[in-house]
Amino acid sequence: MIQTLEAVFDGEVFRPDFPLAVKANTRVRLVIEAMPETAGKAASFLQTARALKLDGPADWSDSVDAYLYGEEARRGD
């Protein structure tokens, strides 16, 4: 099995960013590639959406089909 993952090296051990599908004490081969430093933790979808400061009708979530597909969807046609 080959699995690509991202991890942080804390000076002693590598700490994966998410749980691995590998049993404890399984021998693995690691190939190390340093990743470029980022300016911080990536924003979540909700943070990104809020940062856009979109203005729209208050019923967007209730009437998404009507806004995407037209008035017929709003009437239930």
PDB file of N, CA and C in Angstrom:
ATOM      1  N   MET A   1       0.847  -1.179   0.000  1.00  0.00           N
ATOM      2  CA  MET A   1       0.000   0.000   0.000  1.00  0.00           C
ATOM      3  C   MET A   1       0.889   1.238   0.000  1.00  0.00           C
ATOM      4  N   ILE A   2       0.572   2.197  -0.858  1.00  0.00           N
ATOM      5  CA  ILE A   2       1.266   3.475  -0.884  1.00  0.00           C
ATOM      6  C   ILE A   2       0.274   4.531  -0.448  1.00  0.00           C
ATOM      7  N   GLN A   3       0.696   5.357   0.492  1.00  0.00           N
ATOM      8  CA  GLN A   3      -0.168   6.407   1.020  1.00  0.00           C
ATOM      9  C   GLN A   3       0.651   7.680   1.136  1.00  0.00           C
ATOM     10  N   THR A   4       0.175   8.760   0.575  1.00  0.00           N
ATOM     11  CA  THR A   4       0.851  10.041   0.685  1.00  0.00           C
ATOM     12  C   THR A   4       0.198  10.824   1.810  1.00  0.00           C
ATOM     13  N   LEU A   5       0.999  11.417   2.667  1.00  0.00           N
ATOM     14  CA  LEU A   5       0.454  12.169   3.782  1.00  0.00           C
ATOM     15  C   LEU A   5       1.318  13.378   4.065  1.00  0.00           C
ATOM     16  N   GLU A   6       0.784  14.296   4.833  1.00  0.00           N
ATOM     17  CA  GLU A   6       1.536  15.440   5.303  1.00  0.00           C
ATOM     18  C   GLU A   6       1.699  15.287   6.806  1.00  0.00           C
ATOM     19  N   ALA A   7       2.848  15.691   7.307  1.00  0.00           N
ATOM     20  CA  ALA A   7       3.131  15.542   8.727  1.00  0.00           C
ATOM     21  C   ALA A   7       4.022  16.689   9.175  1.00  0.00           C
ATOM     22  N   VAL A   8       4.138  16.828  10.484  1.00  0.00           N
ATOM     23  CA  VAL A   8       5.022  17.816  11.088  1.00  0.00           C
ATOM     24  C   VAL A   8       6.081  17.067  11.875  1.00  0.00           C
ATOM     25  N   PHE A   9       7.339  17.460  11.706  1.00  0.00           N
ATOM     26  CA  PHE A   9       8.436  16.877  12.474  1.00  0.00           C
ATOM     27  C   PHE A   9       8.667  17.771  13.682  1.00  0.00           C
ATOM     28  N   ASP A  10       8.482  17.234  14.886  1.00  0.00           N
ATOM     29  CA  ASP A  10       8.596  18.059  16.088  1.00  0.00           C
ATOM     30  C   ASP A  10       9.996  18.050  16.696  1.00  0.00           C
ATOM     31  N   GLY A  11      10.964  17.548  15.953  1.00  0.00           N
ATOM     32  CA  GLY A  11      12.330  17.457  16.447  1.00  0.00           C
ATOM     33  C   GLY A  11      12.695  16.051  16.874  1.00  0.00           C
ATOM     34  N   GLU A  12      11.685  15.224  17.089  1.00  0.00           N
ATOM     35  CA  GLU A  12      11.921  13.835  17.498  1.00  0.00           C
ATOM     36  C   GLU A  12      11.122  12.849  16.652  1.00  0.00           C
ATOM     37  N   VAL A  13       9.862  13.158  16.403  1.00  0.00           N
ATOM     38  CA  VAL A  13       8.998  12.243  15.657  1.00  0.00           C
ATOM     39  C   VAL A  13       8.197  13.007  14.610  1.00  0.00           C
ATOM     40  N   PHE A  14       7.714  12.278  13.615  1.00  0.00           N
ATOM     41  CA  PHE A  14       6.819  12.849  12.617  1.00  0.00           C
ATOM     42  C   PHE A  14       5.391  12.666  13.114  1.00  0.00           C
ATOM     43  N   ARG A  15       4.613  13.721  13.083  1.00  0.00           N
ATOM     44  CA  ARG A  15       3.226  13.682  13.522  1.00  0.00           C
ATOM     45  C   ARG A  15       2.329  13.933  12.305  1.00  0.00           C
ATOM     46  N   PRO A  16       1.634  12.876  11.834  1.00  0.00           N
ATOM     47  CA  PRO A  16       0.755  13.033  10.666  1.00  0.00           C
ATOM     48  C   PRO A  16      -0.364  14.025  10.949  1.00  0.00           C
ATOM     49  N   ASP A  17      -0.827  14.693   9.913  1.00  0.00           N
ATOM     50  CA  ASP A  17      -1.917  15.654  10.041  1.00  0.00           C
ATOM     51  C   ASP A  17      -3.268  14.973  10.242  1.00  0.00           C
ATOM     52  N   PHE A  18      -3.355  13.678   9.960  1.00  0.00           N
ATOM     53  CA  PHE A  18      -4.607  12.949  10.124  1.00  0.00           C
ATOM     54  C   PHE A  18      -4.274  11.492  10.419  1.00  0.00           C
ATOM     55  N   PRO A  19      -5.215  10.725  10.992  1.00  0.00           N
ATOM     56  CA  PRO A  19      -4.958   9.310  11.305  1.00  0.00           C
ATOM     57  C   PRO A  19      -4.602   8.511  10.049  1.00  0.00           C
ATOM     58  N   LEU A  20      -3.716   7.537  10.222  1.00  0.00           N
ATOM     59  CA  LEU A  20      -3.276   6.708   9.105  1.00  0.00           C
ATOM     60  C   LEU A  20      -3.921   5.332   9.161  1.00  0.00           C
ATOM     61  N   ALA A  21      -4.081   4.722   8.005  1.00  0.00           N
ATOM     62  CA  ALA A  21      -4.618   3.362   7.919  1.00  0.00           C
ATOM     63  C   ALA A  21      -3.461   2.376   7.995  1.00  0.00           C
ATOM     64  N   VAL A  22      -2.678   2.460   9.065  1.00  0.00           N
ATOM     65  CA  VAL A  22      -1.518   1.589   9.269  1.00  0.00           C
ATOM     66  C   VAL A  22      -1.569   1.090  10.709  1.00  0.00           C
ATOM     67  N   LYS A  23      -1.379  -0.211  10.890  1.00  0.00           N
ATOM     68  CA  LYS A  23      -1.378  -0.768  12.238  1.00  0.00           C
ATOM     69  C   LYS A  23      -0.141  -0.314  12.999  1.00  0.00           C
ATOM     70  N   ALA A  24      -0.278  -0.187  14.312  1.00  0.00           N
ATOM     71  CA  ALA A  24       0.846   0.191  15.168  1.00  0.00           C
ATOM     72  C   ALA A  24       1.993  -0.797  14.992  1.00  0.00           C
ATOM     73  N   ASN A  25       3.215  -0.291  15.053  1.00  0.00           N
ATOM     74  CA  ASN A  25       4.458  -1.072  14.956  1.00  0.00           C
ATOM     75  C   ASN A  25       4.696  -1.666  13.568  1.00  0.00           C
ATOM     76  N   THR A  26       4.003  -1.153  12.555  1.00  0.00           N
ATOM     77  CA  THR A  26       4.244  -1.575  11.181  1.00  0.00           C
ATOM     78  C   THR A  26       5.453  -0.814  10.647  1.00  0.00           C
ATOM     79  N   ARG A  27       6.394  -1.527  10.052  1.00  0.00           N
ATOM     80  CA  ARG A  27       7.554  -0.856   9.451  1.00  0.00           C
ATOM     81  C   ARG A  27       7.122  -0.208   8.144  1.00  0.00           C
ATOM     82  N   VAL A  28       7.534   1.039   7.946  1.00  0.00           N
ATOM     83  CA  VAL A  28       7.210   1.780   6.731  1.00  0.00           C
ATOM     84  C   VAL A  28       8.474   2.427   6.198  1.00  0.00           C
ATOM     85  N   ARG A  29       8.437   2.857   4.958  1.00  0.00           N
ATOM     86  CA  ARG A  29       9.548   3.599   4.356  1.00  0.00           C
ATOM     87  C   ARG A  29       9.080   5.027   4.168  1.00  0.00           C
ATOM     88  N   LEU A  30       9.844   5.983   4.676  1.00  0.00           N
ATOM     89  CA  LEU A  30       9.508   7.392   4.543  1.00  0.00           C
ATOM     90  C   LEU A  30      10.447   8.049   3.542  1.00  0.00           C
ATOM     91  N   VAL A  31       9.885   8.816   2.636  1.00  0.00           N
ATOM     92  CA  VAL A  31      10.661   9.646   1.726  1.00  0.00           C
ATOM     93  C   VAL A  31      10.330  11.079   2.110  1.00  0.00           C
ATOM     94  N   ILE A  32      11.309  11.841   2.545  1.00  0.00           N
ATOM     95  CA  ILE A  32      11.072  13.172   3.095  1.00  0.00           C
ATOM     96  C   ILE A  32      11.222  14.241   2.019  1.00  0.00           C
ATOM     97  N   GLU A  33      10.204  15.086   1.896  1.00  0.00           N
ATOM     98  CA  GLU A  33      10.236  16.234   1.001  1.00  0.00           C
ATOM     99  C   GLU A  33       9.729  17.424   1.806  1.00  0.00           C
ATOM    100  N   ALA A  34      10.606  18.405   2.062  1.00  0.00           N
ATOM    101  CA  ALA A  34      10.198  19.576   2.830  1.00  0.00           C
ATOM    102  C   ALA A  34       9.194  20.382   2.015  1.00  0.00           C
ATOM    103  N   MET A  35       8.150  20.829   2.677  1.00  0.00           N
ATOM    104  CA  MET A  35       7.119  21.629   2.020  1.00  0.00           C
ATOM    105  C   MET A  35       7.404  23.105   2.275  1.00  0.00           C
ATOM    106  N   PRO A  36       7.018  23.964   1.342  1.00  0.00           N
ATOM    107  CA  PRO A  36       7.236  25.400   1.568  1.00  0.00           C
ATOM    108  C   PRO A  36       6.422  25.874   2.761  1.00  0.00           C
ATOM    109  N   GLU A  37       6.970  26.825   3.483  1.00  0.00           N
ATOM    110  CA  GLU A  37       6.271  27.375   4.643  1.00  0.00           C
ATOM    111  C   GLU A  37       5.045  28.145   4.168  1.00  0.00           C
ATOM    112  N   THR A  38       3.969  28.035   4.921  1.00  0.00           N
ATOM    113  CA  THR A  38       2.758  28.775   4.596  1.00  0.00           C
ATOM    114  C   THR A  38       2.634  29.957   5.544  1.00  0.00           C
ATOM    115  N   ALA A  39       1.823  30.906   5.155  1.00  0.00           N
ATOM    116  CA  ALA A  39       1.651  32.112   5.960  1.00  0.00           C
ATOM    117  C   ALA A  39       0.783  31.859   7.182  1.00  0.00           C
ATOM    118  N   GLY A  40       0.341  30.679   7.384  1.00  0.00           N
ATOM    119  CA  GLY A  40      -0.534  30.347   8.509  1.00  0.00           C
ATOM    120  C   GLY A  40      -1.427  29.194   8.136  1.00  0.00           C
ATOM    121  N   LYS A  41      -2.291  28.860   9.044  1.00  0.00           N
ATOM    122  CA  LYS A  41      -3.213  27.767   8.799  1.00  0.00           C
ATOM    123  C   LYS A  41      -4.216  28.180   7.726  1.00  0.00           C
ATOM    124  N   ALA A  42      -4.521  27.277   6.849  1.00  0.00           N
ATOM    125  CA  ALA A  42      -5.485  27.557   5.779  1.00  0.00           C
ATOM    126  C   ALA A  42      -6.857  27.865   6.379  1.00  0.00           C
ATOM    127  N   ALA A  43      -7.536  28.797   5.779  1.00  0.00           N
ATOM    128  CA  ALA A  43      -8.867  29.169   6.252  1.00  0.00           C
ATOM    129  C   ALA A  43      -9.865  28.067   5.928  1.00  0.00           C
ATOM    130  N   SER A  44     -10.850  27.924   6.785  1.00  0.00           N
ATOM    131  CA  SER A  44     -11.912  26.962   6.525  1.00  0.00           C
ATOM    132  C   SER A  44     -12.833  27.516   5.437  1.00  0.00           C
ATOM    133  N   PHE A  45     -13.687  26.661   4.918  1.00  0.00           N
ATOM    134  CA  PHE A  45     -14.646  27.109   3.904  1.00  0.00           C
ATOM    135  C   PHE A  45     -15.514  28.229   4.450  1.00  0.00           C
ATOM    136  N   LEU A  46     -15.994  28.064   5.692  1.00  0.00           N
ATOM    137  CA  LEU A  46     -16.866  29.073   6.283  1.00  0.00           C
ATOM    138  C   LEU A  46     -16.129  30.402   6.450  1.00  0.00           C
ATOM    139  N   GLN A  47     -14.872  30.361   6.881  1.00  0.00           N
ATOM    140  CA  GLN A  47     -14.101  31.597   7.004  1.00  0.00           C
ATOM    141  C   GLN A  47     -13.931  32.269   5.648  1.00  0.00           C
ATOM    142  N   THR A  48     -13.658  31.483   4.628  1.00  0.00           N
ATOM    143  CA  THR A  48     -13.497  32.039   3.276  1.00  0.00           C
ATOM    144  C   THR A  48     -14.808  32.639   2.790  1.00  0.00           C
ATOM    145  N   ALA A  49     -15.923  31.939   2.988  1.00  0.00           N
ATOM    146  CA  ALA A  49     -17.227  32.436   2.549  1.00  0.00           C
ATOM    147  C   ALA A  49     -17.574  33.742   3.261  1.00  0.00           C
ATOM    148  N   ARG A  50     -17.323  33.804   4.563  1.00  0.00           N
ATOM    149  CA  ARG A  50     -17.610  35.035   5.301  1.00  0.00           C
ATOM    150  C   ARG A  50     -16.729  36.186   4.825  1.00  0.00           C
ATOM    151  N   ALA A  51     -15.483  35.893   4.492  1.00  0.00           N
ATOM    152  CA  ALA A  51     -14.554  36.932   4.051  1.00  0.00           C
ATOM    153  C   ALA A  51     -14.980  37.556   2.721  1.00  0.00           C
ATOM    154  N   LEU A  52     -15.771  36.826   1.926  1.00  0.00           N
ATOM    155  CA  LEU A  52     -16.241  37.351   0.649  1.00  0.00           C
ATOM    156  C   LEU A  52     -17.271  38.456   0.827  1.00  0.00           C
ATOM    157  N   LYS A  53     -17.912  38.504   2.004  1.00  0.00           N
ATOM    158  CA  LYS A  53     -18.917  39.531   2.332  1.00  0.00           C
ATOM    159  C   LYS A  53     -19.964  39.653   1.232  1.00  0.00           C
ATOM    160  N   LEU A  54     -20.501  38.508   0.843  1.00  0.00           N
ATOM    161  CA  LEU A  54     -21.532  38.490  -0.196  1.00  0.00           C
ATOM    162  C   LEU A  54     -22.836  39.057   0.346  1.00  0.00           C
ATOM    163  N   ASP A  55     -23.547  39.748  -0.500  1.00  0.00           N
ATOM    164  CA  ASP A  55     -24.841  40.311  -0.135  1.00  0.00           C
ATOM    165  C   ASP A  55     -25.894  39.633  -0.992  1.00  0.00           C
ATOM    166  N   GLY A  56     -26.919  39.153  -0.358  1.00  0.00           N
ATOM    167  CA  GLY A  56     -27.958  38.483  -1.117  1.00  0.00           C
ATOM    168  C   GLY A  56     -29.211  38.336  -0.292  1.00  0.00           C
ATOM    169  N   PRO A  57     -30.229  37.724  -0.863  1.00  0.00           N
ATOM    170  CA  PRO A  57     -31.491  37.552  -0.160  1.00  0.00           C
ATOM    171  C   PRO A  57     -31.331  36.686   1.084  1.00  0.00           C
ATOM    172  N   ALA A  58     -32.146  36.969   2.079  1.00  0.00           N
ATOM    173  CA  ALA A  58     -32.074  36.229   3.346  1.00  0.00           C
ATOM    174  C   ALA A  58     -32.483  34.770   3.189  1.00  0.00           C
ATOM    175  N   ASP A  59     -33.224  34.437   2.125  1.00  0.00           N
ATOM    176  CA  ASP A  59     -33.708  33.059   1.961  1.00  0.00           C
ATOM    177  C   ASP A  59     -32.854  32.236   0.996  1.00  0.00           C
ATOM    178  N   TRP A  60     -31.609  32.621   0.804  1.00  0.00           N
ATOM    179  CA  TRP A  60     -30.738  31.874  -0.112  1.00  0.00           C
ATOM    180  C   TRP A  60     -30.747  30.386   0.176  1.00  0.00           C
ATOM    181  N   SER A  61     -30.530  30.011   1.419  1.00  0.00           N
ATOM    182  CA  SER A  61     -30.421  28.576   1.723  1.00  0.00           C
ATOM    183  C   SER A  61     -31.768  27.869   1.580  1.00  0.00           C
ATOM    184  N   ASP A  62     -32.864  28.563   1.861  1.00  0.00           N
ATOM    185  CA  ASP A  62     -34.179  27.943   1.726  1.00  0.00           C
ATOM    186  C   ASP A  62     -34.624  27.818   0.273  1.00  0.00           C
ATOM    187  N   SER A  63     -34.162  28.731  -0.575  1.00  0.00           N
ATOM    188  CA  SER A  63     -34.636  28.782  -1.963  1.00  0.00           C
ATOM    189  C   SER A  63     -33.514  28.582  -2.968  1.00  0.00           C
ATOM    190  N   VAL A  64     -32.512  27.815  -2.594  1.00  0.00           N
ATOM    191  CA  VAL A  64     -31.342  27.663  -3.463  1.00  0.00           C
ATOM    192  C   VAL A  64     -31.721  27.123  -4.845  1.00  0.00           C
ATOM    193  N   ASP A  65     -32.652  26.177  -4.918  1.00  0.00           N
ATOM    194  CA  ASP A  65     -33.050  25.632  -6.218  1.00  0.00           C
ATOM    195  C   ASP A  65     -33.665  26.705  -7.112  1.00  0.00           C
ATOM    196  N   ALA A  66     -34.486  27.559  -6.526  1.00  0.00           N
ATOM    197  CA  ALA A  66     -35.110  28.626  -7.314  1.00  0.00           C
ATOM    198  C   ALA A  66     -34.060  29.589  -7.836  1.00  0.00           C
ATOM    199  N   TYR A  67     -33.065  29.902  -7.027  1.00  0.00           N
ATOM    200  CA  TYR A  67     -32.025  30.823  -7.473  1.00  0.00           C
ATOM    201  C   TYR A  67     -31.101  30.180  -8.510  1.00  0.00           C
ATOM    202  N   LEU A  68     -30.885  28.881  -8.384  1.00  0.00           N
ATOM    203  CA  LEU A  68     -30.018  28.197  -9.340  1.00  0.00           C
ATOM    204  C   LEU A  68     -30.727  27.853 -10.644  1.00  0.00           C
ATOM    205  N   TYR A  69     -32.000  27.415 -10.542  1.00  0.00           N
ATOM    206  CA  TYR A  69     -32.674  26.849 -11.707  1.00  0.00           C
ATOM    207  C   TYR A  69     -33.876  27.639 -12.187  1.00  0.00           C
ATOM    208  N   GLY A  70     -34.254  28.709 -11.504  1.00  0.00           N
ATOM    209  CA  GLY A  70     -35.351  29.555 -11.964  1.00  0.00           C
ATOM    210  C   GLY A  70     -36.600  29.440 -11.121  1.00  0.00           C
ATOM    211  N   GLU A  71     -37.573  30.241 -11.471  1.00  0.00           N
ATOM    212  CA  GLU A  71     -38.822  30.342 -10.720  1.00  0.00           C
ATOM    213  C   GLU A  71     -39.601  29.038 -10.666  1.00  0.00           C
ATOM    214  N   GLU A  72     -39.509  28.198 -11.699  1.00  0.00           N
ATOM    215  CA  GLU A  72     -40.263  26.943 -11.721  1.00  0.00           C
ATOM    216  C   GLU A  72     -39.937  26.096 -10.503  1.00  0.00           C
ATOM    217  N   ALA A  73     -38.670  26.072 -10.095  1.00  0.00           N
ATOM    218  CA  ALA A  73     -38.275  25.275  -8.946  1.00  0.00           C
ATOM    219  C   ALA A  73     -38.906  25.832  -7.677  1.00  0.00           C
ATOM    220  N   ARG A  74     -39.079  27.147  -7.617  1.00  0.00           N
ATOM    221  CA  ARG A  74     -39.678  27.782  -6.429  1.00  0.00           C
ATOM    222  C   ARG A  74     -41.156  27.380  -6.288  1.00  0.00           C
ATOM    223  N   ARG A  75     -41.861  27.268  -7.411  1.00  0.00           N
ATOM    224  CA  ARG A  75     -43.276  26.901  -7.376  1.00  0.00           C
ATOM    225  C   ARG A  75     -43.489  25.397  -7.220  1.00  0.00           C
ATOM    226  N   GLY A  76     -42.406  24.621  -7.343  1.00  0.00           N
ATOM    227  CA  GLY A  76     -42.521  23.181  -7.230  1.00  0.00           C
ATOM    228  C   GLY A  76     -42.869  22.482  -8.519  1.00  0.00           C
ATOM    229  N   ASP A  77     -42.710  23.163  -9.668  1.00  0.00           N
ATOM    230  CA  ASP A  77     -43.020  22.566 -10.978  1.00  0.00           C
ATOM    231  C   ASP A  77     -41.978  21.552 -11.384  1.00  0.00           C
TER     232      ASP A  77
END
